[in-house]
Amino acid sequence: MDNLEINDLHVVPCVNSRFIQPSRVVFKQNDQERIWDYITEHDDVSCLVFNTTRQAFILVKQFRPAVYMHVNRKLHNKNSGANPVSVKADDSSMKALADASAGITYELCAGIVDQNISLKSLMKQELLEECGYNVPEENIHKITSCRAGVGSTGSVQTSFYAEVTDDMIIDGAGGGNLNEGERIEVFYLPLEKSREFVFDETKEKPLGLMFAFMWYFDKFKV
């Protein structure tokens, strides 16, 4: 993520998205009328990957616009004196105030369920596309599935675990789908530093990653 720059930032209405559909549902719950806003999105898969050759976990490091905009809005609100917790701020005229590094996250290799194939097959594709490893499906083991964004999306996340070796590395693979604008950096996290990393709040990471590591620590008594 060296030399990362964000410029020419402008916010436009979200219409005809390929990935999300915001909606509002009106219903009665025990005769009380309720309204709820929600977002329809794809389910997704993710995988905690451990390279036994290097004794290190394989994570992906990338710029996440949503994370950046969250930080940027808070900085904008602080500078302008606006309500710091408002979600109704007009982003259309917002400038890029935050440093680009504010949007960098550390994540598990993951992907959306947008193909009618098995989740293991989909995970195998993502491991090659993002991390550059050709992993046999028998090496990919399901941890569990859970609901994500229960107040906003309700989608299903399925977590996997896989052990790999350097022999599975495919030259020239990895880094994400450049045709979709992905710019992914493969990040190796040594086993002995993993517990410290999980609780390091200076490294932005999603809850699913933290769960996967806690599962690993418990299962392998690390």
Protein backbone atom coordinates (compact mmCIF):
# COMPACT_ATOMS: atom_id res chain seq x y z
CA MET A 1 0.00 0.00 0.00
CA ASP A 2 2.98 2.30 -0.49
CA ASN A 3 2.38 5.58 -2.35
CA LEU A 4 -1.40 5.30 -1.93
CA GLU A 5 -3.15 8.52 -2.91
CA ILE A 6 -6.82 9.49 -2.90
CA ASN A 7 -7.86 12.48 -4.99
CA ASP A 8 -10.73 13.81 -7.11
CA LEU A 9 -13.13 12.48 -4.47
CA HIS A 10 -16.82 13.15 -5.02
CA VAL A 11 -19.96 11.42 -3.79
CA VAL A 12 -22.86 10.65 -6.14
CA PRO A 13 -26.26 8.96 -5.64
CA CYS A 14 -26.13 5.16 -5.46
CA VAL A 15 -28.29 3.92 -8.34
CA ASN A 16 -28.33 0.59 -10.18
CA SER A 17 -25.66 -0.91 -7.91
CA ARG A 18 -24.37 -4.36 -8.83
CA PHE A 19 -23.79 -5.21 -5.19
CA ILE A 20 -26.44 -3.66 -2.91
CA GLN A 21 -30.11 -2.68 -2.97
CA PRO A 22 -31.39 -0.40 -0.19
CA SER A 23 -35.07 -0.86 0.68
CA ARG A 24 -37.63 -0.07 3.38
CA VAL A 25 -40.05 -2.63 4.77
CA VAL A 26 -43.29 -1.68 6.52
CA PHE A 27 -44.91 -4.34 8.69
CA LYS A 28 -46.89 -5.04 11.83
CA GLN A 29 -45.31 -6.81 14.78
CA ASN A 30 -47.88 -7.91 17.35
CA ASP A 31 -50.28 -5.29 15.94
CA GLN A 32 -47.72 -2.51 16.22
CA GLU A 33 -46.75 -0.91 12.92
CA ARG A 34 -43.02 -0.77 12.29
CA ILE A 35 -40.69 0.54 9.59
CA TRP A 36 -37.20 -0.78 8.95
CA ASP A 37 -34.56 0.17 6.40
CA TYR A 38 -32.38 -2.66 5.13
CA ILE A 39 -29.89 -3.50 2.40
CA THR A 40 -30.00 -6.57 0.18
CA GLU A 41 -26.51 -7.85 -0.58
CA HIS A 42 -24.73 -11.08 -1.50
CA ASP A 43 -23.76 -13.66 1.08
CA ASP A 44 -20.00 -14.07 1.40
CA VAL A 45 -17.21 -16.49 2.22
CA SER A 46 -13.90 -15.91 3.98
CA CYS A 47 -10.92 -18.03 4.91
CA LEU A 48 -8.26 -17.94 7.60
CA VAL A 49 -5.15 -19.17 5.80
CA PHE A 50 -2.04 -20.54 7.51
CA ASN A 51 1.15 -21.12 5.54
CA THR A 52 2.93 -24.04 7.24
CA THR A 53 6.12 -23.42 5.26
CA ARG A 54 6.47 -19.90 6.63
CA GLN A 55 4.60 -20.46 9.91
CA ALA A 56 2.58 -17.38 9.10
CA PHE A 57 -1.03 -16.43 8.41
CA ILE A 58 -1.93 -14.96 5.04
CA LEU A 59 -4.10 -11.85 5.15
CA VAL A 60 -5.08 -9.34 2.50
CA LYS A 61 -4.42 -5.65 2.87
CA GLN A 62 -6.45 -3.20 0.83
CA PHE A 63 -8.05 0.23 0.66
CA ARG A 64 -11.72 0.20 1.66
CA PRO A 65 -13.67 3.27 0.49
CA ALA A 66 -16.45 2.75 3.05
CA VAL A 67 -13.95 2.77 5.92
CA TYR A 68 -12.22 5.81 4.49
CA MET A 69 -15.49 7.72 4.06
CA HIS A 70 -16.52 6.94 7.64
CA VAL A 71 -13.27 8.42 8.95
CA ASN A 72 -13.41 11.28 6.47
CA ARG A 73 -16.98 12.24 7.45
CA LYS A 74 -16.07 12.34 11.15
CA LEU A 75 -13.11 14.57 10.38
CA HIS A 76 -15.28 16.79 8.17
CA ASN A 77 -17.95 17.07 10.88
CA LYS A 78 -15.34 17.94 13.48
CA ASN A 79 -13.85 20.69 11.33
CA SER A 80 -17.23 22.14 10.34
CA GLY A 81 -18.84 21.92 13.77
CA ALA A 82 -21.55 19.56 12.49
CA ASN A 83 -23.18 16.87 14.62
CA PRO A 84 -20.36 14.30 15.02
CA VAL A 85 -22.74 11.32 15.13
CA SER A 86 -25.13 12.32 12.35
CA VAL A 87 -25.58 9.96 9.39
CA LYS A 88 -27.57 12.53 7.41
CA ALA A 89 -24.59 14.68 6.47
CA ASP A 90 -24.47 15.78 2.84
CA ASP A 91 -21.39 14.02 1.47
CA SER A 92 -21.79 15.44 -2.05
CA SER A 93 -19.50 18.39 -1.38
CA MET A 94 -17.13 16.62 0.99
CA LYS A 95 -13.42 16.81 0.25
CA ALA A 96 -10.79 14.19 1.00
CA LEU A 97 -9.57 15.42 4.37
CA ALA A 98 -8.36 12.15 5.89
CA ASP A 99 -5.07 10.57 4.94
CA ALA A 100 -5.48 7.70 2.48
CA SER A 101 -4.03 5.30 5.06
CA ALA A 102 -7.24 5.73 7.10
CA GLY A 103 -8.98 3.41 4.64
CA ILE A 104 -6.45 0.57 4.73
CA THR A 105 -7.72 -2.63 6.32
CA TYR A 106 -6.35 -6.08 7.14
CA GLU A 107 -8.79 -8.84 6.24
CA LEU A 108 -9.21 -12.54 5.60
CA CYS A 109 -9.23 -13.67 1.99
CA ALA A 110 -12.90 -13.34 1.09
CA GLY A 111 -15.43 -13.01 -1.69
CA ILE A 112 -19.14 -12.60 -2.36
CA VAL A 113 -21.37 -15.52 -3.30
CA ASP A 114 -22.25 -14.45 -6.83
CA GLN A 115 -21.88 -17.79 -8.61
CA ASN A 116 -24.02 -20.93 -8.45
CA ILE A 117 -21.16 -23.18 -7.31
CA SER A 118 -20.23 -24.75 -3.99
CA LEU A 119 -18.90 -22.42 -1.32
CA LYS A 120 -15.64 -24.39 -1.19
CA SER A 121 -15.17 -23.96 -4.94
CA LEU A 122 -15.83 -20.26 -4.60
CA MET A 123 -13.34 -20.01 -1.74
CA LYS A 124 -10.74 -21.84 -3.81
CA GLN A 125 -11.18 -19.25 -6.58
CA GLU A 126 -10.75 -16.37 -4.15
CA LEU A 127 -7.58 -17.87 -2.66
CA LEU A 128 -6.03 -17.93 -6.12
CA GLU A 129 -7.34 -14.51 -7.18
CA GLU A 130 -6.45 -12.62 -4.02
CA CYS A 131 -3.55 -14.54 -2.47
CA GLY A 132 -2.02 -16.37 -5.42
CA TYR A 133 -2.36 -19.88 -3.95
CA ASN A 134 -3.83 -22.89 -5.76
CA VAL A 135 -5.37 -24.66 -2.77
CA PRO A 136 -6.99 -28.12 -3.12
CA GLU A 137 -10.59 -28.09 -1.94
CA GLU A 138 -9.81 -30.87 0.55
CA ASN A 139 -7.53 -28.38 2.35
CA ILE A 140 -10.42 -25.94 2.83
CA HIS A 141 -12.41 -26.70 5.99
CA LYS A 142 -15.60 -25.00 7.11
CA ILE A 143 -15.50 -23.33 10.53
CA THR A 144 -19.10 -22.10 10.71
CA SER A 145 -21.70 -19.77 9.21
CA CYS A 146 -23.34 -16.77 10.85
CA ARG A 147 -25.47 -13.72 10.11
CA ALA A 148 -23.79 -10.44 9.28
CA GLY A 149 -25.26 -6.98 9.74
CA VAL A 150 -28.37 -8.25 11.51
CA GLY A 151 -29.72 -4.70 11.67
CA SER A 152 -28.96 -3.80 8.08
CA THR A 153 -28.33 -6.74 5.73
CA GLY A 154 -28.96 -10.10 7.43
CA SER A 155 -26.65 -11.78 4.92
CA VAL A 156 -24.83 -15.04 5.66
CA GLN A 157 -21.08 -15.22 6.19
CA THR A 158 -19.37 -18.60 5.94
CA SER A 159 -15.90 -18.92 7.43
CA PHE A 160 -13.28 -21.46 6.37
CA TYR A 161 -9.78 -22.48 7.47
CA ALA A 162 -7.04 -23.69 5.14
CA GLU A 163 -3.42 -24.73 5.54
CA VAL A 164 -1.14 -24.07 2.57
CA THR A 165 2.50 -24.38 1.61
CA ASP A 166 4.81 -22.38 -0.62
CA ASP A 167 4.48 -25.18 -3.21
CA MET A 168 0.92 -23.98 -3.86
CA ILE A 169 2.01 -20.48 -4.92
CA ILE A 170 1.21 -19.67 -8.56
CA ASP A 171 3.58 -17.16 -10.15
CA GLY A 172 1.76 -14.05 -11.34
CA ALA A 173 -1.46 -14.85 -9.46
CA GLY A 174 -2.91 -12.89 -6.57
CA GLY A 175 -3.51 -9.22 -5.98
CA GLY A 176 -7.24 -9.25 -6.69
CA ASN A 177 -9.32 -8.69 -9.81
CA LEU A 178 -7.69 -5.74 -11.56
CA ASN A 179 -10.63 -5.50 -13.99
CA GLU A 180 -12.85 -4.61 -11.01
CA GLY A 181 -10.34 -2.14 -9.62
CA GLU A 182 -9.10 -4.36 -6.81
CA ARG A 183 -5.61 -3.60 -5.53
CA ILE A 184 -4.79 -6.20 -2.91
CA GLU A 185 -1.52 -6.69 -1.07
CA VAL A 186 -0.76 -10.11 0.43
CA PHE A 187 0.30 -9.71 4.07
CA TYR A 188 2.13 -12.42 6.00
CA LEU A 189 1.53 -12.39 9.76
CA PRO A 190 3.96 -14.56 11.77
CA LEU A 191 2.21 -16.98 14.13
CA GLU A 192 4.07 -15.63 17.17
CA LYS A 193 2.76 -12.12 16.49
CA SER A 194 -0.83 -13.07 15.71
CA ARG A 195 -2.40 -12.61 19.16
CA GLU A 196 -0.84 -9.17 19.53
CA PHE A 197 -2.08 -8.27 16.04
CA VAL A 198 -5.68 -9.25 16.76
CA PHE A 199 -5.97 -6.71 19.58
CA ASP A 200 -3.90 -3.97 17.95
CA GLU A 201 -6.45 -1.22 17.35
CA THR A 202 -4.05 0.68 15.09
CA LYS A 203 -4.57 -2.05 12.48
CA GLU A 204 -8.09 -1.73 11.07
CA LYS A 205 -9.76 -5.13 10.81
CA PRO A 206 -13.30 -6.59 10.70
CA LEU A 207 -14.84 -8.62 13.51
CA GLY A 208 -14.91 -11.77 11.34
CA LEU A 209 -11.12 -11.78 11.22
CA MET A 210 -10.91 -11.50 14.99
CA PHE A 211 -13.39 -14.36 15.40
CA ALA A 212 -11.40 -16.61 13.05
CA PHE A 213 -8.20 -16.01 14.98
CA MET A 214 -9.89 -16.67 18.33
CA TRP A 215 -11.23 -19.93 16.86
CA TYR A 216 -7.68 -20.84 15.82
CA PHE A 217 -6.20 -19.99 19.22
CA ASP A 218 -8.81 -22.17 20.92
CA LYS A 219 -8.61 -25.11 18.52
CA PHE A 220 -4.82 -25.29 18.37
CA LYS A 221 -4.21 -24.12 21.94
CA VAL A 222 -1.95 -21.27 20.88
